[in-house]
PDB file of N, CA and C in Angstrom:
ATOM      1  N   MET A   1      -5.670   8.032 -19.004  1.00  0.00           N
ATOM      2  CA  MET A   1      -5.275   7.987 -17.616  1.00  0.00           C
ATOM      3  C   MET A   1      -6.161   8.957 -16.837  1.00  0.00           C
ATOM      4  N   ALA A   2      -6.621   8.529 -15.671  1.00  0.00           N
ATOM      5  CA  ALA A   2      -7.467   9.381 -14.841  1.00  0.00           C
ATOM      6  C   ALA A   2      -6.679  10.586 -14.350  1.00  0.00           C
ATOM      7  N   SER A   3      -7.397  11.650 -14.108  1.00  0.00           N
ATOM      8  CA  SER A   3      -6.749  12.843 -13.577  1.00  0.00           C
ATOM      9  C   SER A   3      -6.143  12.524 -12.215  1.00  0.00           C
ATOM     10  N   ILE A   4      -4.894  12.882 -12.041  1.00  0.00           N
ATOM     11  CA  ILE A   4      -4.202  12.624 -10.781  1.00  0.00           C
ATOM     12  C   ILE A   4      -4.903  13.356  -9.648  1.00  0.00           C
ATOM     13  N   ARG A   5      -5.381  14.548  -9.894  1.00  0.00           N
ATOM     14  CA  ARG A   5      -6.028  15.334  -8.844  1.00  0.00           C
ATOM     15  C   ARG A   5      -7.339  14.707  -8.377  1.00  0.00           C
ATOM     16  N   SER A   6      -7.916  13.802  -9.163  1.00  0.00           N
ATOM     17  CA  SER A   6      -9.176  13.184  -8.766  1.00  0.00           C
ATOM     18  C   SER A   6      -8.977  12.053  -7.761  1.00  0.00           C
ATOM     19  N   LEU A   7      -7.739  11.685  -7.521  1.00  0.00           N
ATOM     20  CA  LEU A   7      -7.463  10.617  -6.569  1.00  0.00           C
ATOM     21  C   LEU A   7      -7.415  11.230  -5.171  1.00  0.00           C
ATOM     22  N   THR A   8      -8.425  10.961  -4.374  1.00  0.00           N
ATOM     23  CA  THR A   8      -8.574  11.693  -3.118  1.00  0.00           C
ATOM     24  C   THR A   8      -8.411  10.794  -1.898  1.00  0.00           C
ATOM     25  N   PHE A   9      -7.404   9.972  -1.879  1.00  0.00           N
ATOM     26  CA  PHE A   9      -7.176   9.092  -0.746  1.00  0.00           C
ATOM     27  C   PHE A   9      -6.047   9.605   0.149  1.00  0.00           C
ATOM     28  N   CYS A  10      -5.590  10.811  -0.069  1.00  0.00           N
ATOM     29  CA  CYS A  10      -4.467  11.355   0.684  1.00  0.00           C
ATOM     30  C   CYS A  10      -4.950  12.035   1.949  1.00  0.00           C
ATOM     31  N   LYS A  11      -4.033  12.164   2.877  1.00  0.00           N
ATOM     32  CA  LYS A  11      -4.328  12.842   4.131  1.00  0.00           C
ATOM     33  C   LYS A  11      -3.469  14.087   4.225  1.00  0.00           C
ATOM     34  N   THR A  12      -3.988  15.086   4.884  1.00  0.00           N
ATOM     35  CA  THR A  12      -3.228  16.303   5.118  1.00  0.00           C
ATOM     36  C   THR A  12      -2.582  16.197   6.491  1.00  0.00           C
ATOM     37  N   SER A  13      -1.306  16.496   6.551  1.00  0.00           N
ATOM     38  CA  SER A  13      -0.577  16.399   7.811  1.00  0.00           C
ATOM     39  C   SER A  13      -0.922  17.572   8.718  1.00  0.00           C
ATOM     40  N   SER A  14      -0.455  17.507   9.954  1.00  0.00           N
ATOM     41  CA  SER A  14      -0.705  18.586  10.904  1.00  0.00           C
ATOM     42  C   SER A  14      -0.084  19.902  10.441  1.00  0.00           C
ATOM     43  N   SER A  15       0.942  19.815   9.602  1.00  0.00           N
ATOM     44  CA  SER A  15       1.565  21.041   9.081  1.00  0.00           C
ATOM     45  C   SER A  15       0.809  21.598   7.878  1.00  0.00           C
ATOM     46  N   GLY A  16      -0.223  20.866   7.429  1.00  0.00           N
ATOM     47  CA  GLY A  16      -1.050  21.345   6.329  1.00  0.00           C
ATOM     48  C   GLY A  16      -0.592  20.902   4.959  1.00  0.00           C
ATOM     49  N   THR A  17       0.403  20.019   4.879  1.00  0.00           N
ATOM     50  CA  THR A  17       0.863  19.561   3.572  1.00  0.00           C
ATOM     51  C   THR A  17       0.195  18.253   3.204  1.00  0.00           C
ATOM     52  N   ASP A  18      -0.060  18.089   1.923  1.00  0.00           N
ATOM     53  CA  ASP A  18      -0.699  16.877   1.422  1.00  0.00           C
ATOM     54  C   ASP A  18       0.363  15.800   1.267  1.00  0.00           C
ATOM     55  N   SER A  19       0.167  14.657   1.908  1.00  0.00           N
ATOM     56  CA  SER A  19       1.169  13.593   1.910  1.00  0.00           C
ATOM     57  C   SER A  19       1.369  12.950   0.547  1.00  0.00           C
ATOM     58  N   CYS A  20       0.492  13.206  -0.393  1.00  0.00           N
ATOM     59  CA  CYS A  20       0.597  12.548  -1.690  1.00  0.00           C
ATOM     60  C   CYS A  20       1.049  13.470  -2.813  1.00  0.00           C
ATOM     61  N   LEU A  21       1.305  14.724  -2.513  1.00  0.00           N
ATOM     62  CA  LEU A  21       1.690  15.648  -3.577  1.00  0.00           C
ATOM     63  C   LEU A  21       2.945  15.199  -4.301  1.00  0.00           C
ATOM     64  N   SER A  22       3.919  14.654  -3.581  1.00  0.00           N
ATOM     65  CA  SER A  22       5.149  14.246  -4.253  1.00  0.00           C
ATOM     66  C   SER A  22       4.888  13.084  -5.203  1.00  0.00           C
ATOM     67  N   VAL A  23       3.991  12.191  -4.841  1.00  0.00           N
ATOM     68  CA  VAL A  23       3.646  11.081  -5.728  1.00  0.00           C
ATOM     69  C   VAL A  23       2.897  11.614  -6.939  1.00  0.00           C
ATOM     70  N   TRP A  24       1.952  12.504  -6.720  1.00  0.00           N
ATOM     71  CA  TRP A  24       1.228  13.107  -7.842  1.00  0.00           C
ATOM     72  C   TRP A  24       2.197  13.812  -8.777  1.00  0.00           C
ATOM     73  N   TYR A  25       3.124  14.544  -8.203  1.00  0.00           N
ATOM     74  CA  TYR A  25       4.101  15.269  -9.008  1.00  0.00           C
ATOM     75  C   TYR A  25       4.895  14.296  -9.875  1.00  0.00           C
ATOM     76  N   ALA A  26       5.347  13.213  -9.290  1.00  0.00           N
ATOM     77  CA  ALA A  26       6.136  12.236 -10.045  1.00  0.00           C
ATOM     78  C   ALA A  26       5.318  11.623 -11.177  1.00  0.00           C
ATOM     79  N   ILE A  27       4.070  11.308 -10.931  1.00  0.00           N
ATOM     80  CA  ILE A  27       3.216  10.718 -11.966  1.00  0.00           C
ATOM     81  C   ILE A  27       2.944  11.739 -13.066  1.00  0.00           C
ATOM     82  N   GLU A  28       2.662  12.975 -12.682  1.00  0.00           N
ATOM     83  CA  GLU A  28       2.424  14.008 -13.684  1.00  0.00           C
ATOM     84  C   GLU A  28       3.675  14.274 -14.518  1.00  0.00           C
ATOM     85  N   LYS A  29       4.832  14.271 -13.869  1.00  0.00           N
ATOM     86  CA  LYS A  29       6.096  14.478 -14.580  1.00  0.00           C
ATOM     87  C   LYS A  29       6.328  13.344 -15.580  1.00  0.00           C
ATOM     88  N   ALA A  30       6.050  12.122 -15.161  1.00  0.00           N
ATOM     89  CA  ALA A  30       6.199  10.981 -16.062  1.00  0.00           C
ATOM     90  C   ALA A  30       5.263  11.132 -17.265  1.00  0.00           C
ATOM     91  N   ALA A  31       4.031  11.567 -17.015  1.00  0.00           N
ATOM     92  CA  ALA A  31       3.061  11.736 -18.098  1.00  0.00           C
ATOM     93  C   ALA A  31       3.523  12.772 -19.112  1.00  0.00           C
ATOM     94  N   LYS A  32       4.195  13.818 -18.644  1.00  0.00           N
ATOM     95  CA  LYS A  32       4.704  14.852 -19.552  1.00  0.00           C
ATOM     96  C   LYS A  32       5.780  14.301 -20.475  1.00  0.00           C
ATOM     97  N   HIS A  33       6.409  13.221 -20.065  1.00  0.00           N
ATOM     98  CA  HIS A  33       7.448  12.582 -20.876  1.00  0.00           C
ATOM     99  C   HIS A  33       6.909  11.336 -21.594  1.00  0.00           C
ATOM    100  N   ASP A  34       5.584  11.296 -21.729  1.00  0.00           N
ATOM    101  CA  ASP A  34       4.897  10.192 -22.417  1.00  0.00           C
ATOM    102  C   ASP A  34       5.168   8.833 -21.781  1.00  0.00           C
ATOM    103  N   ILE A  35       5.383   8.809 -20.488  1.00  0.00           N
ATOM    104  CA  ILE A  35       5.528   7.547 -19.756  1.00  0.00           C
ATOM    105  C   ILE A  35       4.171   7.217 -19.159  1.00  0.00           C
ATOM    106  N   GLN A  36       3.623   6.093 -19.553  1.00  0.00           N
ATOM    107  CA  GLN A  36       2.308   5.698 -19.080  1.00  0.00           C
ATOM    108  C   GLN A  36       2.403   5.085 -17.682  1.00  0.00           C
ATOM    109  N   VAL A  37       1.592   5.595 -16.789  1.00  0.00           N
ATOM    110  CA  VAL A  37       1.517   5.065 -15.435  1.00  0.00           C
ATOM    111  C   VAL A  37       0.126   4.472 -15.265  1.00  0.00           C
ATOM    112  N   GLU A  38       0.080   3.223 -14.838  1.00  0.00           N
ATOM    113  CA  GLU A  38      -1.217   2.601 -14.622  1.00  0.00           C
ATOM    114  C   GLU A  38      -1.980   3.376 -13.562  1.00  0.00           C
ATOM    115  N   GLN A  39      -3.301   3.189 -13.558  1.00  0.00           N
ATOM    116  CA  GLN A  39      -4.103   3.864 -12.543  1.00  0.00           C
ATOM    117  C   GLN A  39      -3.541   3.513 -11.174  1.00  0.00           C
ATOM    118  N   TRP A  40      -3.362   4.514 -10.365  1.00  0.00           N
ATOM    119  CA  TRP A  40      -2.676   4.344  -9.093  1.00  0.00           C
ATOM    120  C   TRP A  40      -3.452   5.054  -8.005  1.00  0.00           C
ATOM    121  N   PHE A  41      -3.496   4.442  -6.820  1.00  0.00           N
ATOM    122  CA  PHE A  41      -4.167   5.044  -5.680  1.00  0.00           C
ATOM    123  C   PHE A  41      -3.219   5.062  -4.494  1.00  0.00           C
ATOM    124  N   PRO A  42      -3.176   6.151  -3.739  1.00  0.00           N
ATOM    125  CA  PRO A  42      -2.265   6.251  -2.604  1.00  0.00           C
ATOM    126  C   PRO A  42      -2.411   5.140  -1.570  1.00  0.00           C
ATOM    127  N   ASN A  43      -3.609   4.578  -1.423  1.00  0.00           N
ATOM    128  CA  ASN A  43      -3.759   3.521  -0.424  1.00  0.00           C
ATOM    129  C   ASN A  43      -3.011   2.243  -0.813  1.00  0.00           C
ATOM    130  N   GLN A  44      -2.503   2.187  -2.058  1.00  0.00           N
ATOM    131  CA  GLN A  44      -1.679   1.042  -2.452  1.00  0.00           C
ATOM    132  C   GLN A  44      -0.386   1.009  -1.635  1.00  0.00           C
ATOM    133  N   LEU A  45       0.101   2.180  -1.216  1.00  0.00           N
ATOM    134  CA  LEU A  45       1.292   2.217  -0.366  1.00  0.00           C
ATOM    135  C   LEU A  45       1.003   1.540   0.969  1.00  0.00           C
ATOM    136  N   ARG A  46      -0.158   1.827   1.544  1.00  0.00           N
ATOM    137  CA  ARG A  46      -0.570   1.215   2.813  1.00  0.00           C
ATOM    138  C   ARG A  46      -0.709  -0.298   2.646  1.00  0.00           C
ATOM    139  N   HIS A  47      -1.336  -0.698   1.570  1.00  0.00           N
ATOM    140  CA  HIS A  47      -1.539  -2.117   1.285  1.00  0.00           C
ATOM    141  C   HIS A  47      -0.193  -2.842   1.149  1.00  0.00           C
ATOM    142  N   THR A  48       0.717  -2.255   0.388  1.00  0.00           N
ATOM    143  CA  THR A  48       2.028  -2.868   0.172  1.00  0.00           C
ATOM    144  C   THR A  48       2.805  -2.986   1.475  1.00  0.00           C
ATOM    145  N   ARG A  49       2.812  -1.917   2.261  1.00  0.00           N
ATOM    146  CA  ARG A  49       3.549  -1.942   3.531  1.00  0.00           C
ATOM    147  C   ARG A  49       2.953  -2.975   4.482  1.00  0.00           C
ATOM    148  N   ALA A  50       1.645  -3.035   4.565  1.00  0.00           N
ATOM    149  CA  ALA A  50       0.991  -4.010   5.439  1.00  0.00           C
ATOM    150  C   ALA A  50       1.344  -5.431   5.025  1.00  0.00           C
ATOM    151  N   THR A  51       1.374  -5.682   3.726  1.00  0.00           N
ATOM    152  CA  THR A  51       1.714  -7.010   3.224  1.00  0.00           C
ATOM    153  C   THR A  51       3.165  -7.368   3.554  1.00  0.00           C
ATOM    154  N   GLU A  52       4.069  -6.406   3.378  1.00  0.00           N
ATOM    155  CA  GLU A  52       5.488  -6.653   3.695  1.00  0.00           C
ATOM    156  C   GLU A  52       5.685  -6.963   5.171  1.00  0.00           C
ATOM    157  N   VAL A  53       5.073  -6.168   6.034  1.00  0.00           N
ATOM    158  CA  VAL A  53       5.240  -6.382   7.478  1.00  0.00           C
ATOM    159  C   VAL A  53       4.613  -7.703   7.901  1.00  0.00           C
ATOM    160  N   ARG A  54       3.442  -8.029   7.356  1.00  0.00           N
ATOM    161  CA  ARG A  54       2.807  -9.311   7.692  1.00  0.00           C
ATOM    162  C   ARG A  54       3.689 -10.472   7.259  1.00  0.00           C
ATOM    163  N   ARG A  55       4.289 -10.362   6.068  1.00  0.00           N
ATOM    164  CA  ARG A  55       5.158 -11.425   5.564  1.00  0.00           C
ATOM    165  C   ARG A  55       6.418 -11.560   6.415  1.00  0.00           C
ATOM    166  N   ASP A  56       7.048 -10.440   6.746  1.00  0.00           N
ATOM    167  CA  ASP A  56       8.329 -10.472   7.446  1.00  0.00           C
ATOM    168  C   ASP A  56       8.202 -10.670   8.951  1.00  0.00           C
ATOM    169  N   TYR A  57       7.068 -10.281   9.515  1.00  0.00           N
ATOM    170  CA  TYR A  57       6.875 -10.397  10.955  1.00  0.00           C
ATOM    171  C   TYR A  57       5.617 -11.202  11.235  1.00  0.00           C
ATOM    172  N   ASP A  58       4.502 -10.546  11.417  1.00  0.00           N
ATOM    173  CA  ASP A  58       3.227 -11.238  11.589  1.00  0.00           C
ATOM    174  C   ASP A  58       2.092 -10.228  11.489  1.00  0.00           C
ATOM    175  N   LEU A  59       0.875 -10.729  11.617  1.00  0.00           N
ATOM    176  CA  LEU A  59      -0.303  -9.883  11.473  1.00  0.00           C
ATOM    177  C   LEU A  59      -0.361  -8.823  12.566  1.00  0.00           C
ATOM    178  N   GLU A  60       0.027  -9.168  13.780  1.00  0.00           N
ATOM    179  CA  GLU A  60       0.019  -8.209  14.888  1.00  0.00           C
ATOM    180  C   GLU A  60       0.989  -7.057  14.616  1.00  0.00           C
ATOM    181  N   ALA A  61       2.149  -7.365  14.077  1.00  0.00           N
ATOM    182  CA  ALA A  61       3.116  -6.314  13.738  1.00  0.00           C
ATOM    183  C   ALA A  61       2.538  -5.387  12.677  1.00  0.00           C
ATOM    184  N   ALA A  62       1.866  -5.942  11.696  1.00  0.00           N
ATOM    185  CA  ALA A  62       1.242  -5.120  10.656  1.00  0.00           C
ATOM    186  C   ALA A  62       0.157  -4.233  11.256  1.00  0.00           C
ATOM    187  N   ARG A  63      -0.585  -4.755  12.227  1.00  0.00           N
ATOM    188  CA  ARG A  63      -1.623  -3.964  12.895  1.00  0.00           C
ATOM    189  C   ARG A  63      -1.017  -2.744  13.574  1.00  0.00           C
ATOM    190  N   VAL A  64       0.095  -2.965  14.272  1.00  0.00           N
ATOM    191  CA  VAL A  64       0.746  -1.872  14.987  1.00  0.00           C
ATOM    192  C   VAL A  64       1.305  -0.847  14.005  1.00  0.00           C
ATOM    193  N   VAL A  65       1.959  -1.305  12.946  1.00  0.00           N
ATOM    194  CA  VAL A  65       2.539  -0.391  11.959  1.00  0.00           C
ATOM    195  C   VAL A  65       1.452   0.463  11.303  1.00  0.00           C
ATOM    196  N   LEU A  66       0.310  -0.130  11.025  1.00  0.00           N
ATOM    197  CA  LEU A  66      -0.779   0.613  10.394  1.00  0.00           C
ATOM    198  C   LEU A  66      -1.546   1.477  11.390  1.00  0.00           C
ATOM    199  N   GLY A  67      -1.327   1.233  12.686  1.00  0.00           N
ATOM    200  CA  GLY A  67      -2.027   2.024  13.698  1.00  0.00           C
ATOM    201  C   GLY A  67      -3.484   1.659  13.849  1.00  0.00           C
ATOM    202  N   GLU A  68      -3.804   0.413  13.606  1.00  0.00           N
ATOM    203  CA  GLU A  68      -5.182  -0.046  13.703  1.00  0.00           C
ATOM    204  C   GLU A  68      -5.454  -0.666  15.071  1.00  0.00           C
ATOM    205  N   ALA A  69      -6.692  -0.573  15.518  1.00  0.00           N
ATOM    206  CA  ALA A  69      -7.082  -1.144  16.800  1.00  0.00           C
ATOM    207  C   ALA A  69      -7.377  -2.640  16.673  1.00  0.00           C
ATOM    208  N   SER A  70      -7.728  -3.082  15.489  1.00  0.00           N
ATOM    209  CA  SER A  70      -8.141  -4.466  15.287  1.00  0.00           C
ATOM    210  C   SER A  70      -7.393  -5.090  14.112  1.00  0.00           C
ATOM    211  N   VAL A  71      -7.084  -6.369  14.238  1.00  0.00           N
ATOM    212  CA  VAL A  71      -6.432  -7.065  13.124  1.00  0.00           C
ATOM    213  C   VAL A  71      -7.407  -7.310  11.977  1.00  0.00           C
ATOM    214  N   ASN A  72      -8.700  -7.176  12.213  1.00  0.00           N
ATOM    215  CA  ASN A  72      -9.675  -7.385  11.141  1.00  0.00           C
ATOM    216  C   ASN A  72      -9.449  -6.421   9.988  1.00  0.00           C
ATOM    217  N   VAL A  73      -9.137  -5.172  10.292  1.00  0.00           N
ATOM    218  CA  VAL A  73      -8.871  -4.177   9.251  1.00  0.00           C
ATOM    219  C   VAL A  73      -7.576  -4.517   8.533  1.00  0.00           C
ATOM    220  N   VAL A  74      -6.587  -4.940   9.285  1.00  0.00           N
ATOM    221  CA  VAL A  74      -5.276  -5.262   8.721  1.00  0.00           C
ATOM    222  C   VAL A  74      -5.385  -6.444   7.768  1.00  0.00           C
ATOM    223  N   GLU A  75      -6.223  -7.394   8.075  1.00  0.00           N
ATOM    224  CA  GLU A  75      -6.407  -8.544   7.188  1.00  0.00           C
ATOM    225  C   GLU A  75      -6.901  -8.102   5.819  1.00  0.00           C
ATOM    226  N   HIS A  76      -7.623  -6.998   5.769  1.00  0.00           N
ATOM    227  CA  HIS A  76      -8.091  -6.451   4.489  1.00  0.00           C
ATOM    228  C   HIS A  76      -6.913  -5.892   3.691  1.00  0.00           C
ATOM    229  N   TYR A  77      -5.986  -5.208   4.357  1.00  0.00           N
ATOM    230  CA  TYR A  77      -4.866  -4.566   3.685  1.00  0.00           C
ATOM    231  C   TYR A  77      -3.717  -5.516   3.383  1.00  0.00           C
ATOM    232  N   ALA A  78      -3.397  -6.397   4.321  1.00  0.00           N
ATOM    233  CA  ALA A  78      -2.210  -7.242   4.185  1.00  0.00           C
ATOM    234  C   ALA A  78      -2.585  -8.566   3.527  1.00  0.00           C
ATOM    235  N   GLU A  79      -2.043  -8.790   2.349  1.00  0.00           N
ATOM    236  CA  GLU A  79      -2.325 -10.040   1.646  1.00  0.00           C
ATOM    237  C   GLU A  79      -1.721 -11.223   2.385  1.00  0.00           C
ATOM    238  N   GLU A  80      -2.334 -12.361   2.198  1.00  0.00           N
ATOM    239  CA  GLU A  80      -1.795 -13.576   2.785  1.00  0.00           C
ATOM    240  C   GLU A  80      -0.500 -13.947   2.069  1.00  0.00           C
ATOM    241  N   ASP A  81       0.344 -14.669   2.766  1.00  0.00           N
ATOM    242  CA  ASP A  81       1.642 -15.062   2.211  1.00  0.00           C
ATOM    243  C   ASP A  81       1.480 -16.404   1.490  1.00  0.00           C
ATOM    244  N   PHE A  82       1.197 -16.341   0.196  1.00  0.00           N
ATOM    245  CA  PHE A  82       0.973 -17.559  -0.574  1.00  0.00           C
ATOM    246  C   PHE A  82       2.275 -18.323  -0.797  1.00  0.00           C
ATOM    247  N   GLU A  83       3.392 -17.639  -0.754  1.00  0.00           N
ATOM    248  CA  GLU A  83       4.688 -18.323  -0.863  1.00  0.00           C
ATOM    249  C   GLU A  83       4.896 -19.226   0.343  1.00  0.00           C
ATOM    250  N   LEU A  84       4.514 -18.751   1.522  1.00  0.00           N
ATOM    251  CA  LEU A  84       4.613 -19.575   2.729  1.00  0.00           C
ATOM    252  C   LEU A  84       3.705 -20.792   2.612  1.00  0.00           C
ATOM    253  N   ALA A  85       2.512 -20.621   2.094  1.00  0.00           N
ATOM    254  CA  ALA A  85       1.601 -21.744   1.905  1.00  0.00           C
ATOM    255  C   ALA A  85       2.181 -22.773   0.934  1.00  0.00           C
ATOM    256  N   ARG A  86       2.820 -22.285  -0.133  1.00  0.00           N
ATOM    257  CA  ARG A  86       3.444 -23.181  -1.094  1.00  0.00           C
ATOM    258  C   ARG A  86       4.585 -23.950  -0.428  1.00  0.00           C
ATOM    259  N   GLN A  87       5.391 -23.246   0.378  1.00  0.00           N
ATOM    260  CA  GLN A  87       6.516 -23.887   1.063  1.00  0.00           C
ATOM    261  C   GLN A  87       6.026 -24.966   2.030  1.00  0.00           C
ATOM    262  N   VAL A  88       4.970 -24.697   2.757  1.00  0.00           N
ATOM    263  CA  VAL A  88       4.400 -25.697   3.673  1.00  0.00           C
ATOM    264  C   VAL A  88       3.912 -26.910   2.893  1.00  0.00           C
ATOM    265  N   ALA A  89       3.264 -26.674   1.779  1.00  0.00           N
ATOM    266  CA  ALA A  89       2.763 -27.786   0.964  1.00  0.00           C
ATOM    267  C   ALA A  89       3.914 -28.639   0.452  1.00  0.00           C
ATOM    268  N   VAL A  90       5.001 -28.016   0.010  1.00  0.00           N
ATOM    269  CA  VAL A  90       6.150 -28.754  -0.487  1.00  0.00           C
ATOM    270  C   VAL A  90       6.784 -29.574   0.634  1.00  0.00           C
ATOM    271  N   GLU A  91       6.944 -28.971   1.804  1.00  0.00           N
ATOM    272  CA  GLU A  91       7.614 -29.638   2.911  1.00  0.00           C
ATOM    273  C   GLU A  91       6.765 -30.730   3.570  1.00  0.00           C
ATOM    274  N   THR A  92       5.466 -30.568   3.554  1.00  0.00           N
ATOM    275  CA  THR A  92       4.605 -31.535   4.252  1.00  0.00           C
ATOM    276  C   THR A  92       3.851 -32.477   3.321  1.00  0.00           C
ATOM    277  N   GLY A  93       3.966 -32.221   2.039  1.00  0.00           N
ATOM    278  CA  GLY A  93       3.314 -33.106   1.064  1.00  0.00           C
ATOM    279  C   GLY A  93       1.951 -32.716   0.839  1.00  0.00           C
TER     280      GLY A  93
END
């Protein structure tokens, strides 16, 4: 497993705290108990949230939640809703 400290996708808040320390702590704690955690990157949280918002609302909502100026960036983070595509195919033939 890669060193948790080598994952440098976190941001420091205005108060000076690292937003990912609690996640690192949890992964390190799991490792001490011989629980294997797949390689993980903090930006996966952003990706997951963008995908959820796009699925439940729309691409514009995901753009606003992520704080992006353009939907082009959001399209990179938010996966397409393949379940919706499957449902359309079933309903329309």
